[in-house]
């Protein structure tokens, strides 16, 4: 049983956007398309741009007074700001997509007055649609999600990622990865932060941490985890800030243990 009910107009827009994105991504996967570099290892493809333009046009048609913040074409300009801001990543996992590795998705979320209200993430290669609406739960293909019940870090499967500036912070990033590797059952690195967080929400993994992220990488996923009964904070345990780039998202029971690992690791680092 789904229990999801009829989505709101805003969630319906998010669902339509990510599903249409999935059609474009599926059609292009494994084919010939242009790939450009935004940085040393940061890629953008013509498919990213095509998907983002499609989503912007869809939002402009349905909600013409709303703002859009998206990875490839930026955010609103000018002094006027809407109460409503759509946060879009046309392809989360672009490096995977560019190499033909089927671990990527499209993610769309809506902030209203600075608070996340709806989110949708679609993985076209698995036909998995993750959705959430504040106060109404999180769902995978219509089935309600619940985070795992894993109680201890040694029994936990964790997932993380590295930012595109990984070469500049290699010691810190790999060091913290090793610290968790020594305390958890296993640690994975999949290449899509949005899917990582989805997998926390549906109980496939128990915890996720990362730094150097952008709002569009994680906005929809954060709402999913919260609505599935999980916990989201900054890496130091403080309140989560979507635009800080720092996140710890877990099932709840292992959250404090993960915070201790982070704290103990940083306490052992030489002062900068």
C-alpha atoms as a PDB file:
ATOM      1  CA  UNK A   1       0.000   0.000   0.000  1.00  0.00           C
ATOM      2  CA  UNK A   2       1.305   3.415  -0.822  1.00  0.00           C
ATOM      3  CA  UNK A   3      -0.543   5.789   1.489  1.00  0.00           C
ATOM      4  CA  UNK A   4       0.911   8.633  -0.557  1.00  0.00           C
ATOM      5  CA  UNK A   5      -2.323  10.212  -1.685  1.00  0.00           C
ATOM      6  CA  UNK A   6      -2.601  12.899  -4.342  1.00  0.00           C
ATOM      7  CA  UNK A   7       0.496  15.095  -4.628  1.00  0.00           C
ATOM      8  CA  UNK A   8       0.168  18.849  -4.255  1.00  0.00           C
ATOM      9  CA  UNK A   9       0.554  21.051  -7.313  1.00  0.00           C
ATOM     10  CA  UNK A  10       4.119  21.826  -6.275  1.00  0.00           C
ATOM     11  CA  UNK A  11       5.076  18.189  -5.784  1.00  0.00           C
ATOM     12  CA  UNK A  12       3.383  17.322  -9.064  1.00  0.00           C
ATOM     13  CA  UNK A  13       5.628  19.853 -10.797  1.00  0.00           C
ATOM     14  CA  UNK A  14       8.718  18.374  -9.145  1.00  0.00           C
ATOM     15  CA  UNK A  15       7.678  14.850 -10.177  1.00  0.00           C
ATOM     16  CA  UNK A  16       6.976  15.854 -13.766  1.00  0.00           C
ATOM     17  CA  UNK A  17      10.327  17.646 -13.949  1.00  0.00           C
ATOM     18  CA  UNK A  18      12.442  14.729 -12.749  1.00  0.00           C
ATOM     19  CA  UNK A  19      10.519  12.151 -14.778  1.00  0.00           C
ATOM     20  CA  UNK A  20      10.943  14.166 -17.974  1.00  0.00           C
ATOM     21  CA  UNK A  21      14.603  14.598 -17.079  1.00  0.00           C
ATOM     22  CA  UNK A  22      14.908  10.833 -16.764  1.00  0.00           C
ATOM     23  CA  UNK A  23      13.565  10.340 -20.282  1.00  0.00           C
ATOM     24  CA  UNK A  24      16.222  12.683 -21.659  1.00  0.00           C
ATOM     25  CA  UNK A  25      18.977  11.056 -19.621  1.00  0.00           C
ATOM     26  CA  UNK A  26      17.958   7.521 -20.584  1.00  0.00           C
ATOM     27  CA  UNK A  27      17.862   8.385 -24.268  1.00  0.00           C
ATOM     28  CA  UNK A  28      21.354   9.903 -24.143  1.00  0.00           C
ATOM     29  CA  UNK A  29      23.088   7.366 -21.871  1.00  0.00           C
ATOM     30  CA  UNK A  30      25.839   5.520 -23.688  1.00  0.00           C
ATOM     31  CA  UNK A  31      25.508   7.683 -26.783  1.00  0.00           C
ATOM     32  CA  UNK A  32      27.608  10.498 -28.186  1.00  0.00           C
ATOM     33  CA  UNK A  33      27.218  13.875 -26.491  1.00  0.00           C
ATOM     34  CA  UNK A  34      29.466  16.827 -25.799  1.00  0.00           C
ATOM     35  CA  UNK A  35      31.359  16.936 -22.510  1.00  0.00           C
ATOM     36  CA  UNK A  36      33.072  20.063 -21.193  1.00  0.00           C
ATOM     37  CA  UNK A  37      35.178  20.774 -18.135  1.00  0.00           C
ATOM     38  CA  UNK A  38      34.074  23.309 -15.531  1.00  0.00           C
ATOM     39  CA  UNK A  39      37.178  22.514 -13.477  1.00  0.00           C
ATOM     40  CA  UNK A  40      40.026  20.043 -13.363  1.00  0.00           C
ATOM     41  CA  UNK A  41      37.681  17.085 -12.756  1.00  0.00           C
ATOM     42  CA  UNK A  42      34.283  18.839 -12.758  1.00  0.00           C
ATOM     43  CA  UNK A  43      32.294  17.969 -15.897  1.00  0.00           C
ATOM     44  CA  UNK A  44      29.184  19.292 -17.602  1.00  0.00           C
ATOM     45  CA  UNK A  45      27.519  17.638 -20.569  1.00  0.00           C
ATOM     46  CA  UNK A  46      25.101  18.972 -23.154  1.00  0.00           C
ATOM     47  CA  UNK A  47      22.539  16.680 -21.504  1.00  0.00           C
ATOM     48  CA  UNK A  48      22.883  18.560 -18.184  1.00  0.00           C
ATOM     49  CA  UNK A  49      22.125  21.783 -20.020  1.00  0.00           C
ATOM     50  CA  UNK A  50      19.221  20.329 -21.989  1.00  0.00           C
ATOM     51  CA  UNK A  51      17.615  18.935 -18.836  1.00  0.00           C
ATOM     52  CA  UNK A  52      18.048  22.163 -16.896  1.00  0.00           C
ATOM     53  CA  UNK A  53      16.532  24.257 -19.689  1.00  0.00           C
ATOM     54  CA  UNK A  54      13.575  21.890 -19.873  1.00  0.00           C
ATOM     55  CA  UNK A  55      12.970  22.137 -16.123  1.00  0.00           C
ATOM     56  CA  UNK A  56      13.296  25.915 -16.115  1.00  0.00           C
ATOM     57  CA  UNK A  57      10.741  26.138 -18.921  1.00  0.00           C
ATOM     58  CA  UNK A  58       8.349  23.815 -17.064  1.00  0.00           C
ATOM     59  CA  UNK A  59       8.567  25.867 -13.863  1.00  0.00           C
ATOM     60  CA  UNK A  60       8.210  29.152 -15.772  1.00  0.00           C
ATOM     61  CA  UNK A  61       5.058  27.820 -17.436  1.00  0.00           C
ATOM     62  CA  UNK A  62       3.422  26.562 -14.243  1.00  0.00           C
ATOM     63  CA  UNK A  63       4.818  28.947 -11.637  1.00  0.00           C
ATOM     64  CA  UNK A  64       6.004  32.079 -13.487  1.00  0.00           C
ATOM     65  CA  UNK A  65       6.590  34.127 -10.335  1.00  0.00           C
ATOM     66  CA  UNK A  66       8.927  31.546  -8.731  1.00  0.00           C
ATOM     67  CA  UNK A  67      12.730  31.684  -8.627  1.00  0.00           C
ATOM     68  CA  UNK A  68      15.012  28.884  -9.787  1.00  0.00           C
ATOM     69  CA  UNK A  69      18.450  28.018  -8.421  1.00  0.00           C
ATOM     70  CA  UNK A  70      20.126  25.366 -10.547  1.00  0.00           C
ATOM     71  CA  UNK A  71      23.611  23.992 -11.067  1.00  0.00           C
ATOM     72  CA  UNK A  72      24.430  24.978 -14.618  1.00  0.00           C
ATOM     73  CA  UNK A  73      22.681  28.324 -15.196  1.00  0.00           C
ATOM     74  CA  UNK A  74      22.766  29.752 -11.678  1.00  0.00           C
ATOM     75  CA  UNK A  75      20.174  31.505  -9.581  1.00  0.00           C
ATOM     76  CA  UNK A  76      17.892  34.528  -9.725  1.00  0.00           C
ATOM     77  CA  UNK A  77      19.323  37.922 -10.607  1.00  0.00           C
ATOM     78  CA  UNK A  78      18.144  41.389  -9.635  1.00  0.00           C
ATOM     79  CA  UNK A  79      16.794  42.721  -6.361  1.00  0.00           C
ATOM     80  CA  UNK A  80      13.405  41.004  -6.383  1.00  0.00           C
ATOM     81  CA  UNK A  81      13.225  37.599  -4.747  1.00  0.00           C
ATOM     82  CA  UNK A  82      10.241  35.302  -4.673  1.00  0.00           C
ATOM     83  CA  UNK A  83       9.099  33.468  -1.550  1.00  0.00           C
ATOM     84  CA  UNK A  84       9.386  30.353  -3.713  1.00  0.00           C
ATOM     85  CA  UNK A  85      12.714  28.992  -4.902  1.00  0.00           C
ATOM     86  CA  UNK A  86      13.101  25.785  -6.908  1.00  0.00           C
ATOM     87  CA  UNK A  87      16.460  24.087  -6.386  1.00  0.00           C
ATOM     88  CA  UNK A  88      17.503  21.889  -9.303  1.00  0.00           C
ATOM     89  CA  UNK A  89      20.339  19.548 -10.216  1.00  0.00           C
ATOM     90  CA  UNK A  90      19.688  18.351 -13.777  1.00  0.00           C
ATOM     91  CA  UNK A  91      22.098  15.415 -13.413  1.00  0.00           C
ATOM     92  CA  UNK A  92      23.479  14.566 -10.010  1.00  0.00           C
ATOM     93  CA  UNK A  93      26.310  12.177 -10.764  1.00  0.00           C
ATOM     94  CA  UNK A  94      27.425  13.799 -14.025  1.00  0.00           C
ATOM     95  CA  UNK A  95      30.821  12.065 -13.939  1.00  0.00           C
ATOM     96  CA  UNK A  96      29.088   8.693 -13.668  1.00  0.00           C
ATOM     97  CA  UNK A  97      26.708   9.653 -16.475  1.00  0.00           C
ATOM     98  CA  UNK A  98      29.515  10.848 -18.738  1.00  0.00           C
ATOM     99  CA  UNK A  99      31.305   7.516 -18.297  1.00  0.00           C
ATOM    100  CA  UNK A 100      28.160   5.455 -18.859  1.00  0.00           C
ATOM    101  CA  UNK A 101      27.982   4.338 -15.224  1.00  0.00           C
ATOM    102  CA  UNK A 102      24.278   3.996 -14.318  1.00  0.00           C
ATOM    103  CA  UNK A 103      24.393   5.803 -10.964  1.00  0.00           C
ATOM    104  CA  UNK A 104      22.890   9.246 -11.479  1.00  0.00           C
ATOM    105  CA  UNK A 105      19.591  11.071 -11.085  1.00  0.00           C
ATOM    106  CA  UNK A 106      17.735  14.354 -11.394  1.00  0.00           C
ATOM    107  CA  UNK A 107      16.757  16.170  -8.225  1.00  0.00           C
ATOM    108  CA  UNK A 108      14.254  19.000  -7.727  1.00  0.00           C
ATOM    109  CA  UNK A 109      13.192  20.657  -4.481  1.00  0.00           C
ATOM    110  CA  UNK A 110      11.115  23.682  -3.530  1.00  0.00           C
ATOM    111  CA  UNK A 111      11.899  26.122  -0.736  1.00  0.00           C
ATOM    112  CA  UNK A 112       9.125  28.354   0.551  1.00  0.00           C
ATOM    113  CA  UNK A 113      10.306  31.224   2.738  1.00  0.00           C
ATOM    114  CA  UNK A 114      13.622  29.412   3.123  1.00  0.00           C
ATOM    115  CA  UNK A 115      12.122  26.103   4.271  1.00  0.00           C
ATOM    116  CA  UNK A 116      12.157  22.939   2.167  1.00  0.00           C
ATOM    117  CA  UNK A 117       8.604  21.878   1.396  1.00  0.00           C
ATOM    118  CA  UNK A 118       8.709  19.346  -1.468  1.00  0.00           C
ATOM    119  CA  UNK A 119      11.346  17.236  -3.140  1.00  0.00           C
ATOM    120  CA  UNK A 120      11.611  14.667  -5.908  1.00  0.00           C
ATOM    121  CA  UNK A 121      14.557  12.574  -7.100  1.00  0.00           C
ATOM    122  CA  UNK A 122      14.379  10.186 -10.037  1.00  0.00           C
ATOM    123  CA  UNK A 123      16.857   7.457 -10.947  1.00  0.00           C
ATOM    124  CA  UNK A 124      15.956   6.570 -14.543  1.00  0.00           C
ATOM    125  CA  UNK A 125      18.099   3.445 -14.796  1.00  0.00           C
ATOM    126  CA  UNK A 126      16.212   1.781 -11.924  1.00  0.00           C
ATOM    127  CA  UNK A 127      12.909   3.589 -12.474  1.00  0.00           C
ATOM    128  CA  UNK A 128      12.994   4.724  -8.834  1.00  0.00           C
ATOM    129  CA  UNK A 129      11.089   7.876  -7.944  1.00  0.00           C
ATOM    130  CA  UNK A 130      11.765   9.256  -4.460  1.00  0.00           C
ATOM    131  CA  UNK A 131       9.345  11.946  -3.239  1.00  0.00           C
ATOM    132  CA  UNK A 132       8.699  13.892  -0.078  1.00  0.00           C
ATOM    133  CA  UNK A 133       6.373  16.623   1.090  1.00  0.00           C
ATOM    134  CA  UNK A 134       6.781  18.306   4.450  1.00  0.00           C
ATOM    135  CA  UNK A 135       4.559  16.711   7.052  1.00  0.00           C
ATOM    136  CA  UNK A 136       3.287  14.044   4.646  1.00  0.00           C
ATOM    137  CA  UNK A 137       6.130  11.505   4.614  1.00  0.00           C
ATOM    138  CA  UNK A 138       8.675  10.224   2.115  1.00  0.00           C
ATOM    139  CA  UNK A 139       8.014   7.632  -0.578  1.00  0.00           C
ATOM    140  CA  UNK A 140       9.706   5.414  -3.142  1.00  0.00           C
ATOM    141  CA  UNK A 141       7.451   4.669  -6.112  1.00  0.00           C
ATOM    142  CA  UNK A 142       4.472   5.319  -3.852  1.00  0.00           C
ATOM    143  CA  UNK A 143       5.572   3.154  -0.926  1.00  0.00           C
ATOM    144  CA  UNK A 144       6.252   4.977   2.333  1.00  0.00           C
ATOM    145  CA  UNK A 145       9.892   5.106   3.403  1.00  0.00           C
ATOM    146  CA  UNK A 146      11.417   4.537   6.827  1.00  0.00           C
ATOM    147  CA  UNK A 147      15.070   4.845   7.796  1.00  0.00           C
ATOM    148  CA  UNK A 148      16.901   1.793   9.123  1.00  0.00           C
ATOM    149  CA  UNK A 149      16.906   0.713  12.752  1.00  0.00           C
ATOM    150  CA  UNK A 150      20.647   0.022  12.956  1.00  0.00           C
ATOM    151  CA  UNK A 151      21.733   0.943  16.480  1.00  0.00           C
ATOM    152  CA  UNK A 152      25.536   0.970  16.407  1.00  0.00           C
ATOM    153  CA  UNK A 153      28.203   2.260  14.045  1.00  0.00           C
ATOM    154  CA  UNK A 154      30.011  -1.070  13.823  1.00  0.00           C
ATOM    155  CA  UNK A 155      26.841  -2.572  12.341  1.00  0.00           C
ATOM    156  CA  UNK A 156      26.288   0.335   9.951  1.00  0.00           C
ATOM    157  CA  UNK A 157      26.808   0.741   6.214  1.00  0.00           C
ATOM    158  CA  UNK A 158      27.884   4.306   5.456  1.00  0.00           C
ATOM    159  CA  UNK A 159      28.187   6.276   2.241  1.00  0.00           C
ATOM    160  CA  UNK A 160      30.058   9.465   1.367  1.00  0.00           C
ATOM    161  CA  UNK A 161      31.545  11.423  -1.491  1.00  0.00           C
ATOM    162  CA  UNK A 162      34.457  13.714  -2.244  1.00  0.00           C
ATOM    163  CA  UNK A 163      34.141  17.281  -3.565  1.00  0.00           C
ATOM    164  CA  UNK A 164      35.661  18.345  -6.880  1.00  0.00           C
ATOM    165  CA  UNK A 165      38.373  20.115  -4.879  1.00  0.00           C
ATOM    166  CA  UNK A 166      39.454  16.787  -3.375  1.00  0.00           C
ATOM    167  CA  UNK A 167      43.080  17.307  -4.451  1.00  0.00           C
ATOM    168  CA  UNK A 168      43.276  20.423  -2.288  1.00  0.00           C
ATOM    169  CA  UNK A 169      42.047  18.641   0.847  1.00  0.00           C
ATOM    170  CA  UNK A 170      43.268  15.113   0.221  1.00  0.00           C
ATOM    171  CA  UNK A 171      44.710  14.505   3.710  1.00  0.00           C
ATOM    172  CA  UNK A 172      41.592  15.681   5.529  1.00  0.00           C
ATOM    173  CA  UNK A 173      39.053  13.986   3.273  1.00  0.00           C
ATOM    174  CA  UNK A 174      40.807  10.644   3.021  1.00  0.00           C
ATOM    175  CA  UNK A 175      41.698  10.787   6.706  1.00  0.00           C
ATOM    176  CA  UNK A 176      38.079  11.156   7.782  1.00  0.00           C
ATOM    177  CA  UNK A 177      37.076   8.414   5.332  1.00  0.00           C
ATOM    178  CA  UNK A 178      39.645   6.134   6.982  1.00  0.00           C
ATOM    179  CA  UNK A 179      38.392   7.064  10.441  1.00  0.00           C
ATOM    180  CA  UNK A 180      34.886   5.919   9.535  1.00  0.00           C
ATOM    181  CA  UNK A 181      36.223   2.864   7.743  1.00  0.00           C
ATOM    182  CA  UNK A 182      37.773   1.800  11.037  1.00  0.00           C
ATOM    183  CA  UNK A 183      34.540   2.240  13.002  1.00  0.00           C
ATOM    184  CA  UNK A 184      31.760   1.087  10.648  1.00  0.00           C
ATOM    185  CA  UNK A 185      30.876  -2.218   8.990  1.00  0.00           C
ATOM    186  CA  UNK A 186      31.637  -0.700   5.572  1.00  0.00           C
ATOM    187  CA  UNK A 187      31.839   2.606   3.709  1.00  0.00           C
ATOM    188  CA  UNK A 188      30.766   3.177   0.111  1.00  0.00           C
ATOM    189  CA  UNK A 189      31.428   5.976  -2.383  1.00  0.00           C
ATOM    190  CA  UNK A 190      28.817   5.990  -5.189  1.00  0.00           C
ATOM    191  CA  UNK A 191      29.277   9.333  -6.954  1.00  0.00           C
ATOM    192  CA  UNK A 192      25.819  10.858  -6.449  1.00  0.00           C
ATOM    193  CA  UNK A 193      25.100  12.698  -3.209  1.00  0.00           C
ATOM    194  CA  UNK A 194      21.394  12.853  -4.016  1.00  0.00           C
ATOM    195  CA  UNK A 195      21.144   9.080  -4.347  1.00  0.00           C
ATOM    196  CA  UNK A 196      23.332   8.624  -1.260  1.00  0.00           C
ATOM    197  CA  UNK A 197      20.784  10.547   0.792  1.00  0.00           C
ATOM    198  CA  UNK A 198      17.860   8.710  -0.813  1.00  0.00           C
ATOM    199  CA  UNK A 199      19.463   5.463   0.286  1.00  0.00           C
ATOM    200  CA  UNK A 200      19.616   6.737   3.888  1.00  0.00           C
ATOM    201  CA  UNK A 201      15.925   7.623   3.680  1.00  0.00           C
ATOM    202  CA  UNK A 202      14.927   4.161   2.426  1.00  0.00           C
ATOM    203  CA  UNK A 203      17.200   2.242   4.810  1.00  0.00           C
ATOM    204  CA  UNK A 204      19.683   0.858   2.289  1.00  0.00           C
ATOM    205  CA  UNK A 205      22.469   2.680   4.101  1.00  0.00           C
ATOM    206  CA  UNK A 206      22.527   3.997   7.643  1.00  0.00           C
ATOM    207  CA  UNK A 207      24.489   7.236   7.406  1.00  0.00           C
ATOM    208  CA  UNK A 208      25.943   9.776   4.984  1.00  0.00           C
ATOM    209  CA  UNK A 209      28.434  12.583   5.443  1.00  0.00           C
ATOM    210  CA  UNK A 210      30.075  14.963   3.019  1.00  0.00           C
ATOM    211  CA  UNK A 211      31.514  18.440   2.681  1.00  0.00           C
ATOM    212  CA  UNK A 212      31.851  20.826  -0.237  1.00  0.00           C
ATOM    213  CA  UNK A 213      28.329  20.204  -1.500  1.00  0.00           C
ATOM    214  CA  UNK A 214      25.954  22.669  -3.128  1.00  0.00           C
ATOM    215  CA  UNK A 215      22.304  23.218  -2.218  1.00  0.00           C
ATOM    216  CA  UNK A 216      21.089  21.499  -5.394  1.00  0.00           C
ATOM    217  CA  UNK A 217      23.007  18.324  -4.536  1.00  0.00           C
ATOM    218  CA  UNK A 218      21.105  17.643  -1.340  1.00  0.00           C
ATOM    219  CA  UNK A 219      17.975  19.797  -0.975  1.00  0.00           C
ATOM    220  CA  UNK A 220      15.415  17.167  -1.978  1.00  0.00           C
ATOM    221  CA  UNK A 221      17.309  14.419  -0.164  1.00  0.00           C
ATOM    222  CA  UNK A 222      17.382  16.282   3.126  1.00  0.00           C
ATOM    223  CA  UNK A 223      13.598  16.501   3.151  1.00  0.00           C
ATOM    224  CA  UNK A 224      13.383  12.802   2.270  1.00  0.00           C
ATOM    225  CA  UNK A 225      15.529  11.782   5.243  1.00  0.00           C
ATOM    226  CA  UNK A 226      13.637  14.017   7.661  1.00  0.00           C
ATOM    227  CA  UNK A 227      10.259  12.758   6.442  1.00  0.00           C
ATOM    228  CA  UNK A 228      11.471   9.153   6.663  1.00  0.00           C
ATOM    229  CA  UNK A 229      12.293   9.617  10.350  1.00  0.00           C
ATOM    230  CA  UNK A 230      16.026  10.297  10.078  1.00  0.00           C
ATOM    231  CA  UNK A 231      18.225  13.082  11.419  1.00  0.00           C
ATOM    232  CA  UNK A 232      20.156  15.767   9.539  1.00  0.00           C
ATOM    233  CA  UNK A 233      22.714  18.178  11.041  1.00  0.00           C
ATOM    234  CA  UNK A 234      25.916  19.952  10.186  1.00  0.00           C
ATOM    235  CA  UNK A 235      29.098  17.894  10.491  1.00  0.00           C
ATOM    236  CA  UNK A 236      29.754  19.386  13.934  1.00  0.00           C
ATOM    237  CA  UNK A 237      26.260  18.559  15.167  1.00  0.00           C
ATOM    238  CA  UNK A 238      24.947  22.099  14.794  1.00  0.00           C
ATOM    239  CA  UNK A 239      21.804  23.045  12.903  1.00  0.00           C
ATOM    240  CA  UNK A 240      21.850  22.037   9.263  1.00  0.00           C
ATOM    241  CA  UNK A 241      22.361  24.864   6.769  1.00  0.00           C
ATOM    242  CA  UNK A 242      21.525  23.932   3.194  1.00  0.00           C
ATOM    243  CA  UNK A 243      24.060  26.374   1.790  1.00  0.00           C
ATOM    244  CA  UNK A 244      26.982  25.525   4.080  1.00  0.00           C
ATOM    245  CA  UNK A 245      28.124  22.520   2.056  1.00  0.00           C
ATOM    246  CA  UNK A 246      28.420  20.368   5.198  1.00  0.00           C
ATOM    247  CA  UNK A 247      26.026  17.552   6.063  1.00  0.00           C
ATOM    248  CA  UNK A 248      25.558  14.517   8.266  1.00  0.00           C
ATOM    249  CA  UNK A 249      22.375  12.555   7.529  1.00  0.00           C
ATOM    250  CA  UNK A 250      21.612   9.335   9.385  1.00  0.00           C
ATOM    251  CA  UNK A 251      18.906   6.987  10.571  1.00  0.00           C
ATOM    252  CA  UNK A 252      19.105   8.675  13.999  1.00  0.00           C
ATOM    253  CA  UNK A 253      20.495   6.025  16.380  1.00  0.00           C
ATOM    254  CA  UNK A 254      24.043   6.176  14.957  1.00  0.00           C
ATOM    255  CA  UNK A 255      24.106   9.966  14.570  1.00  0.00           C
ATOM    256  CA  UNK A 256      25.903  10.797  17.805  1.00  0.00           C
ATOM    257  CA  UNK A 257      28.476   8.064  17.209  1.00  0.00           C
ATOM    258  CA  UNK A 258      29.239   9.526  13.792  1.00  0.00           C
ATOM    259  CA  UNK A 259      29.547  12.996  15.299  1.00  0.00           C
ATOM    260  CA  UNK A 260      32.078  11.643  17.788  1.00  0.00           C
ATOM    261  CA  UNK A 261      34.179  10.158  14.988  1.00  0.00           C
ATOM    262  CA  UNK A 262      34.218  13.523  13.207  1.00  0.00           C
ATOM    263  CA  UNK A 263      35.053  15.395  16.411  1.00  0.00           C
ATOM    264  CA  UNK A 264      37.833  13.009  17.434  1.00  0.00           C
ATOM    265  CA  UNK A 265      39.346  13.089  13.945  1.00  0.00           C
ATOM    266  CA  UNK A 266      39.461  16.895  13.832  1.00  0.00           C
ATOM    267  CA  UNK A 267      40.848  17.068  17.389  1.00  0.00           C
ATOM    268  CA  UNK A 268      43.872  15.063  16.239  1.00  0.00           C
ATOM    269  CA  UNK A 269      44.618  17.306  13.255  1.00  0.00           C
ATOM    270  CA  UNK A 270      47.478  19.831  13.484  1.00  0.00           C
ATOM    271  CA  UNK A 271      46.366  23.470  13.704  1.00  0.00           C
ATOM    272  CA  UNK A 272      46.145  25.277  10.402  1.00  0.00           C
END
